[in-house]
Amino acid sequence: MEPTVFIFLQFMRKVLLPLPGVTEKMLFDTPAFYINKKTFARIKEDGETLVVHTIERDKWIQVNPDVYFITDHYLNYDYMLVCIDKADPAEVEQLLVQAWRNRATKKLITAYETGIV
């Protein structure tokens, strides 16, 4: 694993693993994060791209198409690709937490918001 990807994976773990119900396991031989057996974020096989669940991808892509994009494979899915090297960490953190919210149950979201984890 390249040093940049390793650092990014540590960043992802720091953001995601404290969230209620999050687990990490491999998907397509890359680290992925799950909630209720549903993947919501993973490092793509190229080691340079994040795959993240979002229902607002058009907004993100319009704002910064050099960082946020999709390929034909993702056209019919609620996922977006993020160029790791070009991404703003604060934006990525926001995206990751929102991806978790998109997949989490109301009970888990309430536990997170009230600090009961």
N, C-alpha and C. Protein backbone atom coordinates (compact mmCIF):
# COMPACT_ATOMS: atom_id res chain seq x y z
N MET A 1 0.85 -1.18 0.00
CA MET A 1 0.00 0.00 0.00
C MET A 1 0.90 1.24 0.00
N GLU A 2 0.62 2.17 -0.89
CA GLU A 2 1.39 3.40 -1.00
C GLU A 2 1.22 4.24 0.27
N PRO A 3 2.25 5.00 0.66
CA PRO A 3 2.16 5.81 1.88
C PRO A 3 0.96 6.75 1.90
N THR A 4 0.63 7.39 0.76
CA THR A 4 -0.51 8.31 0.71
C THR A 4 -1.80 7.58 1.01
N VAL A 5 -1.96 6.40 0.45
CA VAL A 5 -3.19 5.62 0.69
C VAL A 5 -3.25 5.17 2.14
N PHE A 6 -2.12 4.77 2.70
CA PHE A 6 -2.09 4.35 4.10
C PHE A 6 -2.50 5.51 5.01
N ILE A 7 -1.98 6.69 4.75
CA ILE A 7 -2.34 7.87 5.54
C ILE A 7 -3.83 8.17 5.39
N PHE A 8 -4.34 8.07 4.16
CA PHE A 8 -5.76 8.33 3.93
C PHE A 8 -6.63 7.29 4.63
N LEU A 9 -6.20 6.04 4.61
CA LEU A 9 -6.95 4.99 5.31
C LEU A 9 -6.99 5.27 6.81
N GLN A 10 -5.89 5.72 7.37
CA GLN A 10 -5.88 6.08 8.79
C GLN A 10 -6.86 7.22 9.07
N PHE A 11 -6.90 8.19 8.17
CA PHE A 11 -7.85 9.30 8.28
C PHE A 11 -9.28 8.76 8.26
N MET A 12 -9.57 7.86 7.32
CA MET A 12 -10.91 7.28 7.23
C MET A 12 -11.27 6.55 8.51
N ARG A 13 -10.35 5.77 9.01
CA ARG A 13 -10.60 5.03 10.26
C ARG A 13 -10.90 5.98 11.41
N LYS A 14 -10.13 7.06 11.50
CA LYS A 14 -10.33 8.04 12.58
C LYS A 14 -11.72 8.67 12.51
N VAL A 15 -12.19 8.94 11.30
CA VAL A 15 -13.51 9.55 11.11
C VAL A 15 -14.63 8.53 11.31
N LEU A 16 -14.47 7.34 10.73
CA LEU A 16 -15.59 6.41 10.63
C LEU A 16 -15.73 5.41 11.78
N LEU A 17 -14.66 4.89 12.29
CA LEU A 17 -14.80 3.82 13.28
C LEU A 17 -15.47 4.27 14.59
N PRO A 18 -15.37 5.54 14.99
CA PRO A 18 -16.13 5.96 16.18
C PRO A 18 -17.65 6.05 15.96
N LEU A 19 -18.09 6.06 14.71
CA LEU A 19 -19.53 6.16 14.44
C LEU A 19 -20.21 4.84 14.79
N PRO A 20 -21.40 4.91 15.38
CA PRO A 20 -22.09 3.69 15.80
C PRO A 20 -22.36 2.74 14.63
N GLY A 21 -22.05 1.46 14.88
CA GLY A 21 -22.40 0.41 13.93
C GLY A 21 -21.45 0.22 12.76
N VAL A 22 -20.37 1.00 12.70
CA VAL A 22 -19.44 0.91 11.56
C VAL A 22 -18.48 -0.26 11.76
N THR A 23 -18.30 -1.02 10.69
CA THR A 23 -17.31 -2.08 10.66
C THR A 23 -16.42 -1.89 9.43
N GLU A 24 -15.24 -2.44 9.52
CA GLU A 24 -14.31 -2.39 8.39
C GLU A 24 -13.98 -3.81 7.97
N LYS A 25 -14.02 -4.05 6.67
CA LYS A 25 -13.56 -5.32 6.13
C LYS A 25 -13.18 -5.10 4.67
N MET A 26 -12.62 -6.11 4.08
CA MET A 26 -12.13 -5.99 2.71
C MET A 26 -13.28 -6.19 1.71
N LEU A 27 -13.18 -5.44 0.60
CA LEU A 27 -14.11 -5.57 -0.52
C LEU A 27 -13.28 -5.37 -1.78
N PHE A 28 -13.30 -6.33 -2.68
CA PHE A 28 -12.46 -6.27 -3.88
C PHE A 28 -10.99 -6.04 -3.51
N ASP A 29 -10.56 -6.70 -2.44
CA ASP A 29 -9.18 -6.62 -1.95
C ASP A 29 -8.76 -5.22 -1.50
N THR A 30 -9.71 -4.38 -1.14
CA THR A 30 -9.41 -3.05 -0.61
C THR A 30 -10.22 -2.81 0.66
N PRO A 31 -9.75 -1.94 1.55
CA PRO A 31 -10.50 -1.64 2.77
C PRO A 31 -11.83 -0.96 2.46
N ALA A 32 -12.87 -1.42 3.16
CA ALA A 32 -14.21 -0.86 2.97
C ALA A 32 -14.88 -0.71 4.33
N PHE A 33 -15.82 0.23 4.40
CA PHE A 33 -16.53 0.50 5.64
C PHE A 33 -18.01 0.23 5.43
N TYR A 34 -18.60 -0.42 6.43
CA TYR A 34 -19.97 -0.90 6.34
C TYR A 34 -20.80 -0.40 7.51
N ILE A 35 -22.10 -0.32 7.26
CA ILE A 35 -23.09 -0.12 8.31
C ILE A 35 -24.25 -1.05 7.95
N ASN A 36 -24.66 -1.87 8.88
CA ASN A 36 -25.76 -2.82 8.63
C ASN A 36 -25.52 -3.65 7.36
N LYS A 37 -24.32 -4.14 7.21
CA LYS A 37 -23.93 -4.98 6.07
C LYS A 37 -23.98 -4.27 4.73
N LYS A 38 -24.10 -2.95 4.75
CA LYS A 38 -24.12 -2.15 3.51
C LYS A 38 -22.85 -1.32 3.46
N THR A 39 -22.15 -1.40 2.35
CA THR A 39 -20.95 -0.59 2.19
C THR A 39 -21.33 0.86 1.93
N PHE A 40 -20.56 1.77 2.50
CA PHE A 40 -20.82 3.18 2.24
C PHE A 40 -19.56 3.95 1.89
N ALA A 41 -18.40 3.34 2.04
CA ALA A 41 -17.16 3.98 1.64
C ALA A 41 -16.08 2.92 1.51
N ARG A 42 -15.23 3.08 0.48
CA ARG A 42 -14.12 2.17 0.33
C ARG A 42 -13.05 2.81 -0.54
N ILE A 43 -11.86 2.29 -0.40
CA ILE A 43 -10.78 2.71 -1.28
C ILE A 43 -10.86 1.84 -2.53
N LYS A 44 -10.84 2.48 -3.68
CA LYS A 44 -10.94 1.76 -4.96
C LYS A 44 -9.64 1.00 -5.22
N GLU A 45 -9.73 0.02 -6.08
CA GLU A 45 -8.61 -0.86 -6.38
C GLU A 45 -7.36 -0.12 -6.88
N ASP A 46 -7.52 1.05 -7.47
CA ASP A 46 -6.38 1.79 -8.00
C ASP A 46 -5.54 2.44 -6.88
N GLY A 47 -6.07 2.45 -5.65
CA GLY A 47 -5.36 3.04 -4.53
C GLY A 47 -5.28 4.56 -4.55
N GLU A 48 -5.94 5.18 -5.51
CA GLU A 48 -5.90 6.64 -5.65
C GLU A 48 -7.27 7.28 -5.51
N THR A 49 -8.31 6.45 -5.36
CA THR A 49 -9.67 6.94 -5.43
C THR A 49 -10.49 6.38 -4.28
N LEU A 50 -11.35 7.23 -3.73
CA LEU A 50 -12.32 6.83 -2.73
C LEU A 50 -13.65 6.63 -3.43
N VAL A 51 -14.36 5.56 -3.07
CA VAL A 51 -15.72 5.34 -3.53
C VAL A 51 -16.61 5.63 -2.33
N VAL A 52 -17.54 6.57 -2.47
CA VAL A 52 -18.37 6.97 -1.33
C VAL A 52 -19.84 7.05 -1.74
N HIS A 53 -20.70 6.56 -0.86
CA HIS A 53 -22.13 6.61 -1.09
C HIS A 53 -22.61 8.05 -0.91
N THR A 54 -23.39 8.54 -1.87
CA THR A 54 -23.94 9.89 -1.75
C THR A 54 -25.20 10.00 -2.59
N ILE A 55 -26.12 10.81 -2.11
CA ILE A 55 -27.31 11.10 -2.90
C ILE A 55 -27.24 12.52 -3.47
N GLU A 56 -26.08 13.16 -3.26
CA GLU A 56 -25.87 14.53 -3.75
C GLU A 56 -24.67 14.63 -4.68
N ARG A 57 -24.39 13.58 -5.42
CA ARG A 57 -23.16 13.59 -6.21
C ARG A 57 -23.14 14.66 -7.29
N ASP A 58 -24.29 14.98 -7.89
CA ASP A 58 -24.31 16.02 -8.92
C ASP A 58 -23.83 17.35 -8.36
N LYS A 59 -24.23 17.64 -7.13
CA LYS A 59 -23.79 18.88 -6.47
C LYS A 59 -22.28 18.89 -6.31
N TRP A 60 -21.72 17.81 -5.80
CA TRP A 60 -20.28 17.74 -5.56
C TRP A 60 -19.50 17.80 -6.87
N ILE A 61 -19.97 17.06 -7.86
CA ILE A 61 -19.27 17.03 -9.16
C ILE A 61 -19.30 18.41 -9.81
N GLN A 62 -20.41 19.09 -9.70
CA GLN A 62 -20.54 20.42 -10.30
C GLN A 62 -19.58 21.41 -9.63
N VAL A 63 -19.44 21.30 -8.33
CA VAL A 63 -18.57 22.21 -7.58
C VAL A 63 -17.10 22.00 -7.93
N ASN A 64 -16.67 20.74 -8.04
CA ASN A 64 -15.26 20.48 -8.28
C ASN A 64 -15.07 19.17 -9.06
N PRO A 65 -15.24 19.20 -10.37
CA PRO A 65 -15.15 17.98 -11.18
C PRO A 65 -13.74 17.39 -11.26
N ASP A 66 -12.72 18.12 -10.86
CA ASP A 66 -11.37 17.55 -10.82
C ASP A 66 -11.18 16.61 -9.63
N VAL A 67 -12.01 16.77 -8.64
CA VAL A 67 -11.90 15.96 -7.43
C VAL A 67 -13.01 14.91 -7.37
N TYR A 68 -14.23 15.31 -7.70
CA TYR A 68 -15.41 14.44 -7.58
C TYR A 68 -15.89 14.07 -8.98
N PHE A 69 -16.10 12.78 -9.20
CA PHE A 69 -16.50 12.33 -10.52
C PHE A 69 -17.12 10.94 -10.43
N ILE A 70 -17.63 10.44 -11.54
CA ILE A 70 -18.10 9.07 -11.64
C ILE A 70 -17.60 8.49 -12.96
N THR A 71 -17.66 7.19 -13.04
CA THR A 71 -17.40 6.49 -14.29
C THR A 71 -18.73 5.87 -14.72
N ASP A 72 -18.76 5.34 -15.92
CA ASP A 72 -19.99 4.71 -16.41
C ASP A 72 -20.50 3.63 -15.45
N HIS A 73 -19.60 2.93 -14.81
CA HIS A 73 -19.99 1.87 -13.88
C HIS A 73 -20.92 2.39 -12.78
N TYR A 74 -20.72 3.61 -12.33
CA TYR A 74 -21.47 4.17 -11.21
C TYR A 74 -22.69 4.99 -11.61
N LEU A 75 -22.99 5.06 -12.88
CA LEU A 75 -24.13 5.87 -13.34
C LEU A 75 -25.43 5.52 -12.65
N ASN A 76 -25.70 4.25 -12.43
CA ASN A 76 -26.98 3.82 -11.88
C ASN A 76 -26.92 3.52 -10.38
N TYR A 77 -25.87 3.97 -9.74
CA TYR A 77 -25.69 3.73 -8.31
C TYR A 77 -25.50 5.06 -7.58
N ASP A 78 -25.84 5.10 -6.31
CA ASP A 78 -25.68 6.31 -5.51
C ASP A 78 -24.27 6.38 -4.92
N TYR A 79 -23.29 6.32 -5.79
CA TYR A 79 -21.89 6.42 -5.38
C TYR A 79 -21.19 7.46 -6.22
N MET A 80 -20.11 7.99 -5.65
CA MET A 80 -19.29 8.97 -6.33
C MET A 80 -17.84 8.60 -6.06
N LEU A 81 -16.97 8.98 -6.98
CA LEU A 81 -15.55 8.76 -6.82
C LEU A 81 -14.88 10.06 -6.40
N VAL A 82 -13.87 9.94 -5.57
CA VAL A 82 -13.15 11.10 -5.05
C VAL A 82 -11.66 10.86 -5.26
N CYS A 83 -11.00 11.78 -5.92
CA CYS A 83 -9.55 11.71 -6.11
C CYS A 83 -8.88 12.04 -4.77
N ILE A 84 -8.25 11.06 -4.17
CA ILE A 84 -7.69 11.21 -2.83
C ILE A 84 -6.67 12.34 -2.76
N ASP A 85 -5.76 12.40 -3.72
CA ASP A 85 -4.68 13.39 -3.68
C ASP A 85 -5.16 14.83 -3.80
N LYS A 86 -6.32 15.04 -4.43
CA LYS A 86 -6.81 16.39 -4.67
C LYS A 86 -7.91 16.83 -3.69
N ALA A 87 -8.38 15.91 -2.89
CA ALA A 87 -9.54 16.18 -2.03
C ALA A 87 -9.16 16.99 -0.80
N ASP A 88 -10.07 17.87 -0.40
CA ASP A 88 -9.94 18.64 0.83
C ASP A 88 -10.37 17.74 2.00
N PRO A 89 -9.52 17.53 3.00
CA PRO A 89 -9.88 16.63 4.11
C PRO A 89 -11.18 17.00 4.82
N ALA A 90 -11.46 18.29 4.99
CA ALA A 90 -12.70 18.70 5.65
C ALA A 90 -13.92 18.29 4.83
N GLU A 91 -13.83 18.43 3.52
CA GLU A 91 -14.94 18.01 2.65
C GLU A 91 -15.10 16.50 2.67
N VAL A 92 -13.99 15.78 2.65
CA VAL A 92 -14.05 14.32 2.68
C VAL A 92 -14.66 13.85 4.00
N GLU A 93 -14.28 14.47 5.09
CA GLU A 93 -14.88 14.10 6.38
C GLU A 93 -16.39 14.32 6.34
N GLN A 94 -16.82 15.44 5.81
CA GLN A 94 -18.25 15.73 5.68
C GLN A 94 -18.93 14.67 4.82
N LEU A 95 -18.31 14.31 3.70
CA LEU A 95 -18.87 13.29 2.82
C LEU A 95 -18.98 11.93 3.51
N LEU A 96 -17.93 11.56 4.24
CA LEU A 96 -17.93 10.26 4.92
C LEU A 96 -19.02 10.17 5.98
N VAL A 97 -19.16 11.22 6.77
CA VAL A 97 -20.20 11.21 7.81
C VAL A 97 -21.59 11.19 7.17
N GLN A 98 -21.77 11.94 6.09
CA GLN A 98 -23.07 11.93 5.40
C GLN A 98 -23.34 10.57 4.77
N ALA A 99 -22.31 9.93 4.24
CA ALA A 99 -22.48 8.59 3.67
C ALA A 99 -22.94 7.62 4.76
N TRP A 100 -22.35 7.74 5.95
CA TRP A 100 -22.77 6.91 7.07
C TRP A 100 -24.24 7.20 7.41
N ARG A 101 -24.61 8.47 7.49
CA ARG A 101 -25.99 8.85 7.79
C ARG A 101 -26.97 8.28 6.75
N ASN A 102 -26.55 8.28 5.49
CA ASN A 102 -27.42 7.76 4.43
C ASN A 102 -27.75 6.29 4.63
N ARG A 103 -26.86 5.57 5.25
CA ARG A 103 -27.02 4.12 5.41
C ARG A 103 -27.42 3.70 6.82
N ALA A 104 -27.22 4.55 7.81
CA ALA A 104 -27.48 4.18 9.20
C ALA A 104 -28.98 4.20 9.52
N THR A 105 -29.33 3.45 10.54
CA THR A 105 -30.72 3.45 11.02
C THR A 105 -30.96 4.72 11.84
N LYS A 106 -32.21 5.05 12.03
CA LYS A 106 -32.56 6.21 12.85
C LYS A 106 -32.03 6.05 14.27
N LYS A 107 -32.08 4.83 14.77
CA LYS A 107 -31.60 4.55 16.12
C LYS A 107 -30.10 4.86 16.23
N LEU A 108 -29.31 4.46 15.25
CA LEU A 108 -27.87 4.73 15.28
C LEU A 108 -27.59 6.22 15.14
N ILE A 109 -28.34 6.89 14.28
CA ILE A 109 -28.15 8.34 14.10
C ILE A 109 -28.48 9.07 15.40
N THR A 110 -29.57 8.69 16.06
CA THR A 110 -29.94 9.29 17.34
C THR A 110 -28.85 9.04 18.39
N ALA A 111 -28.31 7.83 18.42
CA ALA A 111 -27.24 7.52 19.38
C ALA A 111 -26.02 8.40 19.11
N TYR A 112 -25.70 8.62 17.87
CA TYR A 112 -24.57 9.47 17.50
C TYR A 112 -24.83 10.92 17.91
N GLU A 113 -26.01 11.42 17.59
CA GLU A 113 -26.34 12.82 17.85
C GLU A 113 -26.46 13.14 19.34
N THR A 114 -26.85 12.16 20.12
CA THR A 114 -27.00 12.38 21.56
C THR A 114 -25.75 11.96 22.34
N GLY A 115 -24.77 11.40 21.65
CA GLY A 115 -23.54 11.00 22.31
C GLY A 115 -23.65 9.68 23.05
N ILE A 116 -24.72 8.95 22.81
CA ILE A 116 -24.89 7.64 23.45
C ILE A 116 -24.41 6.58 22.46
N VAL A 117 -23.16 6.25 22.59
CA VAL A 117 -22.58 5.29 21.63
C VAL A 117 -22.19 4.04 22.34
